[in-house]
PDB file of all heavy atoms in Angstrom:
ATOM      1  N   SER A   1      78.627  -1.503 -72.207  1.00  0.00           N
ATOM      2  CA  SER A   1      77.728  -2.648 -72.049  1.00  0.00           C
ATOM      3  C   SER A   1      78.277  -3.947 -72.634  1.00  0.00           C
ATOM      4  O   SER A   1      77.631  -4.994 -72.520  1.00  0.00           O
ATOM      5  CB  SER A   1      76.380  -2.336 -72.712  1.00  0.00           C
ATOM      6  OG  SER A   1      76.568  -2.004 -74.079  1.00  0.00           O
ATOM      7  N   ARG A   2      79.459  -3.916 -73.245  1.00  0.00           N
ATOM      8  CA  ARG A   2      79.984  -5.149 -73.838  1.00  0.00           C
ATOM      9  C   ARG A   2      80.254  -6.182 -72.749  1.00  0.00           C
ATOM     10  O   ARG A   2      80.920  -5.894 -71.757  1.00  0.00           O
ATOM     11  CB  ARG A   2      81.270  -4.897 -74.617  1.00  0.00           C
ATOM     12  CG  ARG A   2      81.730  -6.143 -75.395  1.00  0.00           C
ATOM     13  CD  ARG A   2      83.131  -6.044 -75.940  1.00  0.00           C
ATOM     14  NE  ARG A   2      83.244  -5.091 -77.029  1.00  0.00           N
ATOM     15  CZ  ARG A   2      84.299  -5.044 -77.856  1.00  0.00           C
ATOM     16  NH1 ARG A   2      85.296  -5.914 -77.683  1.00  0.00           N
ATOM     17  NH2 ARG A   2      84.357  -4.149 -78.810  1.00  0.00           N
ATOM     18  N   PRO A   3      79.772  -7.419 -72.907  1.00  0.00           N
ATOM     19  CA  PRO A   3      80.023  -8.453 -71.902  1.00  0.00           C
ATOM     20  C   PRO A   3      81.514  -8.764 -71.766  1.00  0.00           C
ATOM     21  O   PRO A   3      82.262  -8.693 -72.744  1.00  0.00           O
ATOM     22  CB  PRO A   3      79.262  -9.677 -72.435  1.00  0.00           C
ATOM     23  CG  PRO A   3      78.264  -9.120 -73.402  1.00  0.00           C
ATOM     24  CD  PRO A   3      78.901  -7.897 -73.996  1.00  0.00           C
ATOM     25  N   VAL A   4      81.919  -9.129 -70.582  1.00  0.00           N
ATOM     26  CA  VAL A   4      83.322  -9.470 -70.342  1.00  0.00           C
ATOM     27  C   VAL A   4      83.783 -10.564 -71.301  1.00  0.00           C
ATOM     28  O   VAL A   4      84.916 -10.531 -71.801  1.00  0.00           O
ATOM     29  CB  VAL A   4      83.518  -9.915 -68.876  1.00  0.00           C
ATOM     30  CG1 VAL A   4      84.927 -10.447 -68.669  1.00  0.00           C
ATOM     31  CG2 VAL A   4      83.239  -8.767 -67.924  1.00  0.00           C
ATOM     32  N   ALA A   5      82.910 -11.530 -71.593  1.00  0.00           N
ATOM     33  CA  ALA A   5      83.278 -12.644 -72.473  1.00  0.00           C
ATOM     34  C   ALA A   5      83.669 -12.180 -73.868  1.00  0.00           C
ATOM     35  O   ALA A   5      84.386 -12.891 -74.583  1.00  0.00           O
ATOM     36  CB  ALA A   5      82.124 -13.637 -72.559  1.00  0.00           C
ATOM     37  N   GLU A   6      83.203 -10.997 -74.279  1.00  0.00           N
ATOM     38  CA  GLU A   6      83.498 -10.497 -75.618  1.00  0.00           C
ATOM     39  C   GLU A   6      84.688  -9.525 -75.641  1.00  0.00           C
ATOM     40  O   GLU A   6      84.971  -8.924 -76.673  1.00  0.00           O
ATOM     41  CB  GLU A   6      82.257  -9.831 -76.207  1.00  0.00           C
ATOM     42  CG  GLU A   6      81.099 -10.807 -76.409  1.00  0.00           C
ATOM     43  CD  GLU A   6      79.869 -10.135 -76.981  1.00  0.00           C
ATOM     44  OE1 GLU A   6      79.984  -8.986 -77.466  1.00  0.00           O
ATOM     45  OE2 GLU A   6      78.791 -10.754 -76.924  1.00  0.00           O
ATOM     46  N   VAL A   7      85.357  -9.372 -74.516  1.00  0.00           N
ATOM     47  CA  VAL A   7      86.578  -8.560 -74.452  1.00  0.00           C
ATOM     48  C   VAL A   7      87.747  -9.480 -74.785  1.00  0.00           C
ATOM     49  O   VAL A   7      88.016 -10.435 -74.052  1.00  0.00           O
ATOM     50  CB  VAL A   7      86.758  -7.921 -73.064  1.00  0.00           C
ATOM     51  CG1 VAL A   7      88.058  -7.129 -72.997  1.00  0.00           C
ATOM     52  CG2 VAL A   7      85.568  -7.026 -72.745  1.00  0.00           C
ATOM     53  N   THR A   8      88.434  -9.199 -75.871  1.00  0.00           N
ATOM     54  CA  THR A   8      89.438 -10.148 -76.363  1.00  0.00           C
ATOM     55  C   THR A   8      90.744 -10.120 -75.580  1.00  0.00           C
ATOM     56  O   THR A   8      91.491 -11.090 -75.608  1.00  0.00           O
ATOM     57  CB  THR A   8      89.749  -9.870 -77.850  1.00  0.00           C
ATOM     58  OG1 THR A   8      90.176  -8.501 -77.992  1.00  0.00           O
ATOM     59  CG2 THR A   8      88.507 -10.097 -78.700  1.00  0.00           C
ATOM     60  N   ASP A   9      91.031  -9.019 -74.899  1.00  0.00           N
ATOM     61  CA  ASP A   9      92.308  -8.918 -74.179  1.00  0.00           C
ATOM     62  C   ASP A   9      92.072  -8.310 -72.806  1.00  0.00           C
ATOM     63  O   ASP A   9      92.365  -7.141 -72.567  1.00  0.00           O
ATOM     64  CB  ASP A   9      93.291  -8.069 -74.991  1.00  0.00           C
ATOM     65  CG  ASP A   9      94.686  -7.998 -74.360  1.00  0.00           C
ATOM     66  OD1 ASP A   9      94.937  -8.754 -73.398  1.00  0.00           O
ATOM     67  OD2 ASP A   9      95.498  -7.183 -74.814  1.00  0.00           O
ATOM     68  N   VAL A  10      91.554  -9.117 -71.898  1.00  0.00           N
ATOM     69  CA  VAL A  10      91.269  -8.626 -70.545  1.00  0.00           C
ATOM     70  C   VAL A  10      92.558  -8.272 -69.821  1.00  0.00           C
ATOM     71  O   VAL A  10      92.623  -7.273 -69.098  1.00  0.00           O
ATOM     72  CB  VAL A  10      90.459  -9.678 -69.754  1.00  0.00           C
ATOM     73  CG1 VAL A  10      90.219  -9.205 -68.320  1.00  0.00           C
ATOM     74  CG2 VAL A  10      89.123  -9.943 -70.444  1.00  0.00           C
ATOM     75  N   LEU A  11      93.604  -9.063 -70.028  1.00  0.00           N
ATOM     76  CA  LEU A  11      94.880  -8.767 -69.386  1.00  0.00           C
ATOM     77  C   LEU A  11      95.422  -7.413 -69.845  1.00  0.00           C
ATOM     78  O   LEU A  11      95.938  -6.629 -69.040  1.00  0.00           O
ATOM     79  CB  LEU A  11      95.895  -9.872 -69.686  1.00  0.00           C
ATOM     80  CG  LEU A  11      97.283  -9.686 -69.050  1.00  0.00           C
ATOM     81  CD1 LEU A  11      97.187  -9.602 -67.530  1.00  0.00           C
ATOM     82  CD2 LEU A  11      98.216 -10.820 -69.469  1.00  0.00           C
ATOM     83  N   GLY A  12      95.307  -7.122 -71.132  1.00  0.00           N
ATOM     84  CA  GLY A  12      95.760  -5.827 -71.638  1.00  0.00           C
ATOM     85  C   GLY A  12      94.954  -4.680 -71.058  1.00  0.00           C
ATOM     86  O   GLY A  12      95.499  -3.608 -70.762  1.00  0.00           O
ATOM     87  N   LEU A  13      93.656  -4.896 -70.878  1.00  0.00           N
ATOM     88  CA  LEU A  13      92.793  -3.880 -70.274  1.00  0.00           C
ATOM     89  C   LEU A  13      93.203  -3.609 -68.834  1.00  0.00           C
ATOM     90  O   LEU A  13      93.306  -2.456 -68.398  1.00  0.00           O
ATOM     91  CB  LEU A  13      91.340  -4.355 -70.338  1.00  0.00           C
ATOM     92  CG  LEU A  13      90.280  -3.465 -69.692  1.00  0.00           C
ATOM     93  CD1 LEU A  13      90.218  -2.106 -70.375  1.00  0.00           C
ATOM     94  CD2 LEU A  13      88.918  -4.165 -69.757  1.00  0.00           C
ATOM     95  N   VAL A  14      93.467  -4.670 -68.094  1.00  0.00           N
ATOM     96  CA  VAL A  14      93.890  -4.540 -66.703  1.00  0.00           C
ATOM     97  C   VAL A  14      95.248  -3.853 -66.612  1.00  0.00           C
ATOM     98  O   VAL A  14      95.477  -3.001 -65.742  1.00  0.00           O
ATOM     99  CB  VAL A  14      93.919  -5.938 -66.042  1.00  0.00           C
ATOM    100  CG1 VAL A  14      94.675  -5.902 -64.723  1.00  0.00           C
ATOM    101  CG2 VAL A  14      92.494  -6.445 -65.820  1.00  0.00           C
ATOM    102  N   ALA A  15      96.150  -4.200 -67.516  1.00  0.00           N
ATOM    103  CA  ALA A  15      97.479  -3.561 -67.526  1.00  0.00           C
ATOM    104  C   ALA A  15      97.361  -2.065 -67.793  1.00  0.00           C
ATOM    105  O   ALA A  15      98.067  -1.249 -67.178  1.00  0.00           O
ATOM    106  CB  ALA A  15      98.372  -4.227 -68.566  1.00  0.00           C
ATOM    107  N   LEU A  16      96.468  -1.687 -68.701  1.00  0.00           N
ATOM    108  CA  LEU A  16      96.268  -0.269 -68.998  1.00  0.00           C
ATOM    109  C   LEU A  16      95.671   0.450 -67.791  1.00  0.00           C
ATOM    110  O   LEU A  16      96.049   1.588 -67.485  1.00  0.00           O
ATOM    111  CB  LEU A  16      95.359  -0.116 -70.217  1.00  0.00           C
ATOM    112  CG  LEU A  16      95.027   1.326 -70.621  1.00  0.00           C
ATOM    113  CD1 LEU A  16      96.296   2.119 -70.915  1.00  0.00           C
ATOM    114  CD2 LEU A  16      94.076   1.342 -71.817  1.00  0.00           C
ATOM    115  N   ALA A  17      94.733  -0.201 -67.100  1.00  0.00           N
ATOM    116  CA  ALA A  17      94.152   0.399 -65.899  1.00  0.00           C
ATOM    117  C   ALA A  17      95.231   0.719 -64.875  1.00  0.00           C
ATOM    118  O   ALA A  17      95.246   1.806 -64.278  1.00  0.00           O
ATOM    119  CB  ALA A  17      93.110  -0.548 -65.297  1.00  0.00           C
ATOM    120  N   ARG A  18      96.152  -0.196 -64.692  1.00  0.00           N
ATOM    121  CA  ARG A  18      97.235   0.041 -63.730  1.00  0.00           C
ATOM    122  C   ARG A  18      98.157   1.159 -64.199  1.00  0.00           C
ATOM    123  O   ARG A  18      98.564   2.009 -63.396  1.00  0.00           O
ATOM    124  CB  ARG A  18      98.028  -1.242 -63.493  1.00  0.00           C
ATOM    125  CG  ARG A  18      99.187  -1.059 -62.504  1.00  0.00           C
ATOM    126  CD  ARG A  18      99.640  -2.382 -61.945  1.00  0.00           C
ATOM    127  NE  ARG A  18     100.948  -2.314 -61.337  1.00  0.00           N
ATOM    128  CZ  ARG A  18     101.208  -1.863 -60.110  1.00  0.00           C
ATOM    129  NH1 ARG A  18     100.220  -1.400 -59.350  1.00  0.00           N
ATOM    130  NH2 ARG A  18     102.433  -1.865 -59.627  1.00  0.00           N
ATOM    131  N   ARG A  19      98.476   1.190 -65.479  1.00  0.00           N
ATOM    132  CA  ARG A  19      99.349   2.255 -65.980  1.00  0.00           C
ATOM    133  C   ARG A  19      98.702   3.630 -65.798  1.00  0.00           C
ATOM    134  O   ARG A  19      99.369   4.593 -65.408  1.00  0.00           O
ATOM    135  CB  ARG A  19      99.673   2.032 -67.465  1.00  0.00           C
ATOM    136  CG  ARG A  19     100.614   0.870 -67.729  1.00  0.00           C
ATOM    137  CD  ARG A  19     101.302   0.990 -69.081  1.00  0.00           C
ATOM    138  NE  ARG A  19     100.361   1.087 -70.180  1.00  0.00           N
ATOM    139  CZ  ARG A  19      99.816   0.043 -70.802  1.00  0.00           C
ATOM    140  NH1 ARG A  19     100.095  -1.199 -70.392  1.00  0.00           N
ATOM    141  NH2 ARG A  19      98.995   0.222 -71.811  1.00  0.00           N
ATOM    142  N   LEU A  20      97.409   3.722 -66.066  1.00  0.00           N
ATOM    143  CA  LEU A  20      96.716   5.000 -65.940  1.00  0.00           C
ATOM    144  C   LEU A  20      96.687   5.491 -64.498  1.00  0.00           C
ATOM    145  O   LEU A  20      96.966   6.659 -64.220  1.00  0.00           O
ATOM    146  CB  LEU A  20      95.276   4.870 -66.457  1.00  0.00           C
ATOM    147  CG  LEU A  20      95.026   5.025 -67.942  1.00  0.00           C
ATOM    148  CD1 LEU A  20      93.535   4.890 -68.225  1.00  0.00           C
ATOM    149  CD2 LEU A  20      95.539   6.359 -68.459  1.00  0.00           C
ATOM    150  N   ILE A  21      96.341   4.605 -63.584  1.00  0.00           N
ATOM    151  CA  ILE A  21      96.204   5.043 -62.199  1.00  0.00           C
ATOM    152  C   ILE A  21      97.573   5.319 -61.574  1.00  0.00           C
ATOM    153  O   ILE A  21      97.719   6.240 -60.763  1.00  0.00           O
ATOM    154  CB  ILE A  21      95.374   4.020 -61.378  1.00  0.00           C
ATOM    155  CG1 ILE A  21      94.801   4.703 -60.123  1.00  0.00           C
ATOM    156  CG2 ILE A  21      96.164   2.772 -61.037  1.00  0.00           C
ATOM    157  CD1 ILE A  21      93.736   3.881 -59.422  1.00  0.00           C
ATOM    158  N   LEU A  22      98.592   4.565 -61.984  1.00  0.00           N
ATOM    159  CA  LEU A  22      99.950   4.852 -61.510  1.00  0.00           C
ATOM    160  C   LEU A  22     100.424   6.221 -62.013  1.00  0.00           C
ATOM    161  O   LEU A  22     101.068   6.975 -61.282  1.00  0.00           O
ATOM    162  CB  LEU A  22     100.927   3.773 -61.975  1.00  0.00           C
ATOM    163  CG  LEU A  22     100.996   2.493 -61.153  1.00  0.00           C
ATOM    164  CD1 LEU A  22     101.869   1.461 -61.863  1.00  0.00           C
ATOM    165  CD2 LEU A  22     101.530   2.765 -59.756  1.00  0.00           C
ATOM    166  N   ALA A  23     100.089   6.541 -63.261  1.00  0.00           N
ATOM    167  CA  ALA A  23     100.509   7.817 -63.833  1.00  0.00           C
ATOM    168  C   ALA A  23      99.858   8.999 -63.128  1.00  0.00           C
ATOM    169  O   ALA A  23     100.396  10.107 -63.156  1.00  0.00           O
ATOM    170  CB  ALA A  23     100.177   7.850 -65.324  1.00  0.00           C
ATOM    171  N   ASN A  24      98.716   8.753 -62.491  1.00  0.00           N
ATOM    172  CA  ASN A  24      97.963   9.851 -61.877  1.00  0.00           C
ATOM    173  C   ASN A  24      98.046   9.893 -60.356  1.00  0.00           C
ATOM    174  O   ASN A  24      97.550  10.845 -59.752  1.00  0.00           O
ATOM    175  CB  ASN A  24      96.490   9.758 -62.286  1.00  0.00           C
ATOM    176  CG  ASN A  24      96.247  10.266 -63.690  1.00  0.00           C
ATOM    177  OD1 ASN A  24      96.274  11.461 -63.945  1.00  0.00           O
ATOM    178  ND2 ASN A  24      96.023   9.340 -64.620  1.00  0.00           N
ATOM    179  N   ARG A  25      98.666   8.911 -59.740  1.00  0.00           N
ATOM    180  CA  ARG A  25      98.585   8.826 -58.288  1.00  0.00           C
ATOM    181  C   ARG A  25      99.259   9.997 -57.579  1.00  0.00           C
ATOM    182  O   ARG A  25      98.902  10.319 -56.432  1.00  0.00           O
ATOM    183  CB  ARG A  25      99.181   7.508 -57.786  1.00  0.00           C
ATOM    184  CG  ARG A  25     100.679   7.405 -57.896  1.00  0.00           C
ATOM    185  CD  ARG A  25     101.187   6.111 -57.314  1.00  0.00           C
ATOM    186  NE  ARG A  25     102.647   6.079 -57.338  1.00  0.00           N
ATOM    187  CZ  ARG A  25     103.369   5.052 -56.913  1.00  0.00           C
ATOM    188  NH1 ARG A  25     102.769   3.972 -56.429  1.00  0.00           N
ATOM    189  NH2 ARG A  25     104.686   5.097 -56.966  1.00  0.00           N
ATOM    190  N   ASP A  26     100.218  10.650 -58.223  1.00  0.00           N
ATOM    191  CA  ASP A  26     100.910  11.772 -57.597  1.00  0.00           C
ATOM    192  C   ASP A  26     100.457  13.125 -58.151  1.00  0.00           C
ATOM    193  O   ASP A  26     101.041  14.156 -57.834  1.00  0.00           O
ATOM    194  CB  ASP A  26     102.427  11.631 -57.776  1.00  0.00           C
ATOM    195  CG  ASP A  26     102.965  10.373 -57.116  1.00  0.00           C
ATOM    196  OD1 ASP A  26     102.489  10.040 -56.019  1.00  0.00           O
ATOM    197  OD2 ASP A  26     103.849   9.725 -57.710  1.00  0.00           O
ATOM    198  N   ARG A  27      99.400  13.120 -58.969  1.00  0.00           N
ATOM    199  CA  ARG A  27      98.884  14.354 -59.548  1.00  0.00           C
ATOM    200  C   ARG A  27      97.637  14.813 -58.809  1.00  0.00           C
ATOM    201  O   ARG A  27      96.834  13.993 -58.373  1.00  0.00           O
ATOM    202  CB  ARG A  27      98.497  14.146 -61.023  1.00  0.00           C
ATOM    203  CG  ARG A  27      99.648  13.870 -61.963  1.00  0.00           C
ATOM    204  CD  ARG A  27      99.092  13.514 -63.338  1.00  0.00           C
ATOM    205  NE  ARG A  27     100.146  13.331 -64.326  1.00  0.00           N
ATOM    206  CZ  ARG A  27      99.983  12.663 -65.466  1.00  0.00           C
ATOM    207  NH1 ARG A  27      98.815  12.142 -65.753  1.00  0.00           N
ATOM    208  NH2 ARG A  27     100.984  12.543 -66.309  1.00  0.00           N
ATOM    209  N   THR A  28      97.454  16.111 -58.721  1.00  0.00           N
ATOM    210  CA  THR A  28      96.207  16.631 -58.163  1.00  0.00           C
ATOM    211  C   THR A  28      95.125  16.727 -59.230  1.00  0.00           C
ATOM    212  O   THR A  28      93.934  16.730 -58.918  1.00  0.00           O
ATOM    213  CB  THR A  28      96.416  18.014 -57.530  1.00  0.00           C
ATOM    214  OG1 THR A  28      96.986  18.895 -58.505  1.00  0.00           O
ATOM    215  CG2 THR A  28      97.362  17.923 -56.343  1.00  0.00           C
ATOM    216  N   GLU A  29      95.530  16.813 -60.503  1.00  0.00           N
ATOM    217  CA  GLU A  29      94.595  16.825 -61.619  1.00  0.00           C
ATOM    218  C   GLU A  29      94.748  15.524 -62.401  1.00  0.00           C
ATOM    219  O   GLU A  29      95.826  15.213 -62.892  1.00  0.00           O
ATOM    220  CB  GLU A  29      94.876  18.018 -62.541  1.00  0.00           C
ATOM    221  CG  GLU A  29      94.667  19.380 -61.895  1.00  0.00           C
ATOM    222  CD  GLU A  29      93.209  19.751 -61.762  1.00  0.00           C
ATOM    223  OE1 GLU A  29      92.366  19.113 -62.450  1.00  0.00           O
ATOM    224  OE2 GLU A  29      92.898  20.673 -60.985  1.00  0.00           O
ATOM    225  N   ARG A  30      93.659  14.762 -62.521  1.00  0.00           N
ATOM    226  CA  ARG A  30      93.721  13.476 -63.206  1.00  0.00           C
ATOM    227  C   ARG A  30      93.723  13.696 -64.719  1.00  0.00           C
ATOM    228  O   ARG A  30      92.890  14.427 -65.256  1.00  0.00           O
ATOM    229  CB  ARG A  30      92.527  12.613 -62.791  1.00  0.00           C
ATOM    230  CG  ARG A  30      92.565  11.196 -63.328  1.00  0.00           C
ATOM    231  CD  ARG A  30      91.385  10.390 -62.836  1.00  0.00           C
ATOM    232  NE  ARG A  30      91.417  10.228 -61.389  1.00  0.00           N
ATOM    233  CZ  ARG A  30      90.526  10.744 -60.561  1.00  0.00           C
ATOM    234  NH1 ARG A  30      89.525  11.465 -61.023  1.00  0.00           N
ATOM    235  NH2 ARG A  30      90.621  10.543 -59.258  1.00  0.00           N
ATOM    236  N   ILE A  31      94.647  13.034 -65.421  1.00  0.00           N
ATOM    237  CA  ILE A  31      94.793  13.192 -66.871  1.00  0.00           C
ATOM    238  C   ILE A  31      94.819  11.807 -67.518  1.00  0.00           C
ATOM    239  O   ILE A  31      95.613  10.952 -67.135  1.00  0.00           O
ATOM    240  CB  ILE A  31      96.095  13.942 -67.223  1.00  0.00           C
ATOM    241  CG1 ILE A  31      96.133  15.311 -66.551  1.00  0.00           C
ATOM    242  CG2 ILE A  31      96.242  14.082 -68.739  1.00  0.00           C
ATOM    243  CD1 ILE A  31      97.496  15.970 -66.601  1.00  0.00           C
ATOM    244  N   THR A  32      93.947  11.594 -68.498  1.00  0.00           N
ATOM    245  CA  THR A  32      93.967  10.326 -69.229  1.00  0.00           C
ATOM    246  C   THR A  32      94.265  10.528 -70.710  1.00  0.00           C
ATOM    247  O   THR A  32      94.473   9.561 -71.436  1.00  0.00           O
ATOM    248  CB  THR A  32      92.615   9.603 -69.092  1.00  0.00           C
ATOM    249  OG1 THR A  32      91.570  10.471 -69.550  1.00  0.00           O
ATOM    250  CG2 THR A  32      92.346   9.218 -67.640  1.00  0.00           C
ATOM    251  N   THR A  33      94.304  11.779 -71.163  1.00  0.00           N
ATOM    252  CA  THR A  33      94.549  12.072 -72.576  1.00  0.00           C
ATOM    253  C   THR A  33      96.010  12.392 -72.869  1.00  0.00           C
ATOM    254  O   THR A  33      96.413  12.441 -74.039  1.00  0.00           O
ATOM    255  CB  THR A  33      93.709  13.282 -73.023  1.00  0.00           C
ATOM    256  OG1 THR A  33      94.086  14.417 -72.217  1.00  0.00           O
ATOM    257  CG2 THR A  33      92.219  13.009 -72.868  1.00  0.00           C
ATOM    258  N   GLY A  34      96.776  12.680 -71.826  1.00  0.00           N
ATOM    259  CA  GLY A  34      98.139  13.148 -72.018  1.00  0.00           C
ATOM    260  C   GLY A  34      98.221  14.651 -72.178  1.00  0.00           C
ATOM    261  O   GLY A  34      99.316  15.199 -72.321  1.00  0.00           O
ATOM    262  N   ASN A  35      97.071  15.325 -72.141  1.00  0.00           N
ATOM    263  CA  ASN A  35      97.010  16.773 -72.291  1.00  0.00           C
ATOM    264  C   ASN A  35      96.580  17.387 -70.970  1.00  0.00           C
ATOM    265  O   ASN A  35      95.457  17.161 -70.518  1.00  0.00           O
ATOM    266  CB  ASN A  35      96.026  17.153 -73.398  1.00  0.00           C
ATOM    267  CG  ASN A  35      96.098  18.619 -73.780  1.00  0.00           C
ATOM    268  OD1 ASN A  35      96.467  19.470 -72.975  1.00  0.00           O
ATOM    269  ND2 ASN A  35      95.723  18.923 -75.019  1.00  0.00           N
ATOM    270  N   ALA A  36      97.451  18.159 -70.347  1.00  0.00           N
ATOM    271  CA  ALA A  36      97.179  18.701 -69.018  1.00  0.00           C
ATOM    272  C   ALA A  36      96.331  19.964 -69.030  1.00  0.00           C
ATOM    273  O   ALA A  36      95.944  20.452 -67.976  1.00  0.00           O
ATOM    274  CB  ALA A  36      98.500  18.990 -68.303  1.00  0.00           C
ATOM    275  N   ARG A  37      96.019  20.494 -70.207  1.00  0.00           N
ATOM    276  CA  ARG A  37      95.211  21.717 -70.243  1.00  0.00           C
ATOM    277  C   ARG A  37      93.803  21.440 -69.735  1.00  0.00           C
ATOM    278  O   ARG A  37      93.206  20.414 -70.047  1.00  0.00           O
ATOM    279  CB  ARG A  37      95.140  22.277 -71.670  1.00  0.00           C
ATOM    280  CG  ARG A  37      96.445  22.916 -72.152  1.00  0.00           C
ATOM    281  CD  ARG A  37      96.216  23.603 -73.477  1.00  0.00           C
ATOM    282  NE  ARG A  37      95.791  22.660 -74.510  1.00  0.00           N
ATOM    283  CZ  ARG A  37      95.256  23.017 -75.673  1.00  0.00           C
ATOM    284  NH1 ARG A  37      95.059  24.289 -75.947  1.00  0.00           N
ATOM    285  NH2 ARG A  37      94.928  22.105 -76.566  1.00  0.00           N
ATOM    286  N   ARG A  38      93.277  22.377 -68.955  1.00  0.00           N
ATOM    287  CA  ARG A  38      91.934  22.216 -68.417  1.00  0.00           C
ATOM    288  C   ARG A  38      90.933  22.062 -69.553  1.00  0.00           C
ATOM    289  O   ARG A  38      91.035  22.719 -70.576  1.00  0.00           O
ATOM    290  CB  ARG A  38      91.569  23.426 -67.550  1.00  0.00           C
ATOM    291  CG  ARG A  38      90.354  23.201 -66.654  1.00  0.00           C
ATOM    292  CD  ARG A  38      90.232  24.302 -65.622  1.00  0.00           C
ATOM    293  NE  ARG A  38      91.358  24.335 -64.710  1.00  0.00           N
ATOM    294  CZ  ARG A  38      91.470  23.566 -63.642  1.00  0.00           C
ATOM    295  NH1 ARG A  38      90.542  22.676 -63.372  1.00  0.00           N
ATOM    296  NH2 ARG A  38      92.523  23.676 -62.851  1.00  0.00           N
ATOM    297  N   SER A  39      89.989  21.171 -69.352  1.00  0.00           N
ATOM    298  CA  SER A  39      88.954  20.784 -70.324  1.00  0.00           C
ATOM    299  C   SER A  39      89.475  19.834 -71.396  1.00  0.00           C
ATOM    300  O   SER A  39      88.719  19.374 -72.246  1.00  0.00           O
ATOM    301  CB  SER A  39      88.297  21.999 -70.996  1.00  0.00           C
ATOM    302  OG  SER A  39      89.075  22.491 -72.068  1.00  0.00           O
ATOM    303  N   MET A  40      90.772  19.502 -71.334  1.00  0.00           N
ATOM    304  CA  MET A  40      91.353  18.577 -72.310  1.00  0.00           C
ATOM    305  C   MET A  40      91.871  17.297 -71.641  1.00  0.00           C
ATOM    306  O   MET A  40      92.544  16.501 -72.282  1.00  0.00           O
ATOM    307  CB  MET A  40      92.511  19.259 -73.058  1.00  0.00           C
ATOM    308  CG  MET A  40      92.094  20.451 -73.897  1.00  0.00           C
ATOM    309  SD  MET A  40      90.991  20.000 -75.273  1.00  0.00           S
ATOM    310  CE  MET A  40      92.110  19.043 -76.292  1.00  0.00           C
ATOM    311  N   GLN A  41      91.555  17.087 -70.393  1.00  0.00           N
ATOM    312  CA  GLN A  41      92.193  16.022 -69.613  1.00  0.00           C
ATOM    313  C   GLN A  41      91.535  14.661 -69.749  1.00  0.00           C
ATOM    314  O   GLN A  41      92.129  13.654 -69.389  1.00  0.00           O
ATOM    315  CB  GLN A  41      92.245  16.448 -68.145  1.00  0.00           C
ATOM    316  CG  GLN A  41      93.094  17.697 -67.928  1.00  0.00           C
ATOM    317  CD  GLN A  41      92.838  18.338 -66.579  1.00  0.00           C
ATOM    318  OE1 GLN A  41      91.759  18.238 -66.012  1.00  0.00           O
ATOM    319  NE2 GLN A  41      93.847  19.017 -66.045  1.00  0.00           N
ATOM    320  N   SER A  42      90.294  14.611 -70.260  1.00  0.00           N
ATOM    321  CA  SER A  42      89.610  13.321 -70.388  1.00  0.00           C
ATOM    322  C   SER A  42      89.098  13.122 -71.804  1.00  0.00           C
ATOM    323  O   SER A  42      88.865  14.081 -72.552  1.00  0.00           O
ATOM    324  CB  SER A  42      88.442  13.227 -69.396  1.00  0.00           C
ATOM    325  OG  SER A  42      87.457  14.203 -69.693  1.00  0.00           O
TER     326      SER A  42
END
């Protein structure tokens, strides 16, 4: 719920979004934690 105006580094947030989705685009299982074990991926 934090307003966009109170996000101090929007560019960094956008850069992270791109890195995450690029890292997962060729995977069948989406991982955001770096841990591929089931139930540990988010």
